[in-house]
């Protein structure tokens, strides 16, 4: 009986580890491309096109906050930095802030 337990425990560990790998694959997407393919957010290019049309000034770039699913677009206008936050799920602006 002792020999069976000795072999059973490593076998159970191997089985448990093999089951853990597929569980990781079921986790939420962890990069922008995965989120777009999963339908959780809109493609960056679609949102960027809208934001660029609606905001005058020199486009400085954008960042994505994965936790809030918000893109932050930055513009320079009249020496001021303008931050435009856009919900990546809907494409709607959620905040516009000007830094002096």
C-alpha atoms as a PDB file:
ATOM      1  CA  UNK A   1       0.000   0.000   0.000  1.00  0.00           C
ATOM      2  CA  UNK A   2       2.849   2.358   0.796  1.00  0.00           C
ATOM      3  CA  UNK A   3       4.354   1.822  -2.649  1.00  0.00           C
ATOM      4  CA  UNK A   4       1.042   2.727  -4.317  1.00  0.00           C
ATOM      5  CA  UNK A   5       0.867   6.035  -2.437  1.00  0.00           C
ATOM      6  CA  UNK A   6       4.444   6.735  -3.421  1.00  0.00           C
ATOM      7  CA  UNK A   7       3.499   6.441  -7.103  1.00  0.00           C
ATOM      8  CA  UNK A   8       0.046   7.966  -6.782  1.00  0.00           C
ATOM      9  CA  UNK A   9       1.147  11.351  -5.471  1.00  0.00           C
ATOM     10  CA  UNK A  10       3.525  12.185  -8.360  1.00  0.00           C
ATOM     11  CA  UNK A  11       0.903  10.989 -10.833  1.00  0.00           C
ATOM     12  CA  UNK A  12      -1.678  13.305  -9.321  1.00  0.00           C
ATOM     13  CA  UNK A  13       0.762  16.224  -9.429  1.00  0.00           C
ATOM     14  CA  UNK A  14       1.419  15.626 -13.140  1.00  0.00           C
ATOM     15  CA  UNK A  15      -2.307  15.410 -13.869  1.00  0.00           C
ATOM     16  CA  UNK A  16      -2.959  18.599 -11.882  1.00  0.00           C
ATOM     17  CA  UNK A  17      -0.273  20.502 -13.744  1.00  0.00           C
ATOM     18  CA  UNK A  18      -1.551  19.365 -17.117  1.00  0.00           C
ATOM     19  CA  UNK A  19      -5.021  20.607 -16.201  1.00  0.00           C
ATOM     20  CA  UNK A  20      -3.647  23.978 -15.056  1.00  0.00           C
ATOM     21  CA  UNK A  21      -2.262  24.879 -18.486  1.00  0.00           C
ATOM     22  CA  UNK A  22      -5.662  24.920 -20.238  1.00  0.00           C
ATOM     23  CA  UNK A  23      -7.074  26.947 -17.340  1.00  0.00           C
ATOM     24  CA  UNK A  24      -4.509  29.670 -18.061  1.00  0.00           C
ATOM     25  CA  UNK A  25      -5.617  29.733 -21.674  1.00  0.00           C
ATOM     26  CA  UNK A  26      -9.158  30.529 -20.513  1.00  0.00           C
ATOM     27  CA  UNK A  27      -8.088  33.695 -18.714  1.00  0.00           C
ATOM     28  CA  UNK A  28      -9.116  37.074 -20.028  1.00  0.00           C
ATOM     29  CA  UNK A  29      -7.146  38.413 -22.989  1.00  0.00           C
ATOM     30  CA  UNK A  30      -4.049  40.273 -21.873  1.00  0.00           C
ATOM     31  CA  UNK A  31      -3.075  42.477 -24.792  1.00  0.00           C
ATOM     32  CA  UNK A  32      -4.830  44.925 -27.078  1.00  0.00           C
ATOM     33  CA  UNK A  33      -4.936  42.560 -30.070  1.00  0.00           C
ATOM     34  CA  UNK A  34      -6.484  39.801 -27.968  1.00  0.00           C
ATOM     35  CA  UNK A  35      -9.060  42.215 -26.553  1.00  0.00           C
ATOM     36  CA  UNK A  36     -10.047  43.388 -30.044  1.00  0.00           C
ATOM     37  CA  UNK A  37     -10.320  39.806 -31.349  1.00  0.00           C
ATOM     38  CA  UNK A  38     -12.423  38.874 -28.318  1.00  0.00           C
ATOM     39  CA  UNK A  39     -14.775  41.778 -29.091  1.00  0.00           C
ATOM     40  CA  UNK A  40     -14.099  43.450 -25.755  1.00  0.00           C
ATOM     41  CA  UNK A  41     -12.754  46.695 -27.228  1.00  0.00           C
ATOM     42  CA  UNK A  42     -12.898  48.512 -30.556  1.00  0.00           C
ATOM     43  CA  UNK A  43      -9.870  48.551 -32.873  1.00  0.00           C
ATOM     44  CA  UNK A  44      -7.434  51.360 -32.082  1.00  0.00           C
ATOM     45  CA  UNK A  45      -7.457  52.679 -35.661  1.00  0.00           C
ATOM     46  CA  UNK A  46     -11.230  53.231 -35.613  1.00  0.00           C
ATOM     47  CA  UNK A  47     -11.084  55.166 -32.345  1.00  0.00           C
ATOM     48  CA  UNK A  48      -7.966  57.085 -33.373  1.00  0.00           C
ATOM     49  CA  UNK A  49      -9.593  58.251 -36.622  1.00  0.00           C
ATOM     50  CA  UNK A  50     -12.587  59.657 -34.694  1.00  0.00           C
ATOM     51  CA  UNK A  51     -10.445  61.348 -32.063  1.00  0.00           C
ATOM     52  CA  UNK A  52      -8.130  62.947 -34.636  1.00  0.00           C
ATOM     53  CA  UNK A  53     -11.134  64.369 -36.525  1.00  0.00           C
ATOM     54  CA  UNK A  54     -12.672  65.854 -33.392  1.00  0.00           C
ATOM     55  CA  UNK A  55      -9.556  67.341 -31.762  1.00  0.00           C
ATOM     56  CA  UNK A  56      -7.465  70.084 -33.325  1.00  0.00           C
ATOM     57  CA  UNK A  57      -3.806  70.388 -32.458  1.00  0.00           C
ATOM     58  CA  UNK A  58      -0.653  68.393 -32.944  1.00  0.00           C
ATOM     59  CA  UNK A  59      -1.209  64.708 -32.237  1.00  0.00           C
ATOM     60  CA  UNK A  60       1.464  63.499 -29.809  1.00  0.00           C
ATOM     61  CA  UNK A  61       0.440  59.846 -29.361  1.00  0.00           C
ATOM     62  CA  UNK A  62      -1.763  57.521 -27.355  1.00  0.00           C
ATOM     63  CA  UNK A  63      -1.592  55.061 -24.483  1.00  0.00           C
ATOM     64  CA  UNK A  64      -3.889  52.216 -23.486  1.00  0.00           C
ATOM     65  CA  UNK A  65      -4.812  51.524 -19.861  1.00  0.00           C
ATOM     66  CA  UNK A  66      -5.719  47.856 -19.732  1.00  0.00           C
ATOM     67  CA  UNK A  67      -7.259  48.086 -16.279  1.00  0.00           C
ATOM     68  CA  UNK A  68      -9.823  50.726 -17.223  1.00  0.00           C
ATOM     69  CA  UNK A  69      -9.980  49.885 -20.950  1.00  0.00           C
ATOM     70  CA  UNK A  70      -9.356  53.556 -21.771  1.00  0.00           C
ATOM     71  CA  UNK A  71      -7.184  55.074 -24.482  1.00  0.00           C
ATOM     72  CA  UNK A  72      -5.514  58.380 -23.627  1.00  0.00           C
ATOM     73  CA  UNK A  73      -4.799  60.524 -26.670  1.00  0.00           C
ATOM     74  CA  UNK A  74      -2.449  63.495 -26.298  1.00  0.00           C
ATOM     75  CA  UNK A  75      -2.503  66.679 -28.326  1.00  0.00           C
ATOM     76  CA  UNK A  76      -0.413  69.827 -28.176  1.00  0.00           C
ATOM     77  CA  UNK A  77      -2.420  72.973 -28.812  1.00  0.00           C
ATOM     78  CA  UNK A  78      -1.238  76.542 -28.206  1.00  0.00           C
ATOM     79  CA  UNK A  79       1.535  75.250 -25.957  1.00  0.00           C
ATOM     80  CA  UNK A  80      -0.877  73.263 -23.796  1.00  0.00           C
ATOM     81  CA  UNK A  81      -1.064  69.496 -23.519  1.00  0.00           C
ATOM     82  CA  UNK A  82      -4.590  68.172 -24.031  1.00  0.00           C
ATOM     83  CA  UNK A  83      -5.447  64.661 -22.811  1.00  0.00           C
ATOM     84  CA  UNK A  84      -8.513  63.028 -24.333  1.00  0.00           C
ATOM     85  CA  UNK A  85      -9.598  59.799 -22.628  1.00  0.00           C
ATOM     86  CA  UNK A  86     -11.767  57.482 -24.713  1.00  0.00           C
ATOM     87  CA  UNK A  87     -13.583  54.333 -23.605  1.00  0.00           C
ATOM     88  CA  UNK A  88     -12.083  51.567 -25.761  1.00  0.00           C
ATOM     89  CA  UNK A  89     -15.289  49.521 -25.500  1.00  0.00           C
ATOM     90  CA  UNK A  90     -17.610  52.191 -26.913  1.00  0.00           C
ATOM     91  CA  UNK A  91     -15.288  54.668 -28.602  1.00  0.00           C
ATOM     92  CA  UNK A  92     -16.910  57.501 -26.643  1.00  0.00           C
ATOM     93  CA  UNK A  93     -14.836  60.245 -24.976  1.00  0.00           C
ATOM     94  CA  UNK A  94     -15.019  59.989 -21.202  1.00  0.00           C
ATOM     95  CA  UNK A  95     -12.752  62.876 -20.211  1.00  0.00           C
ATOM     96  CA  UNK A  96     -10.900  65.814 -21.727  1.00  0.00           C
ATOM     97  CA  UNK A  97      -8.243  67.552 -19.679  1.00  0.00           C
ATOM     98  CA  UNK A  98      -5.903  70.416 -20.407  1.00  0.00           C
ATOM     99  CA  UNK A  99      -2.498  70.795 -18.757  1.00  0.00           C
ATOM    100  CA  UNK A 100      -1.083  74.321 -18.534  1.00  0.00           C
END
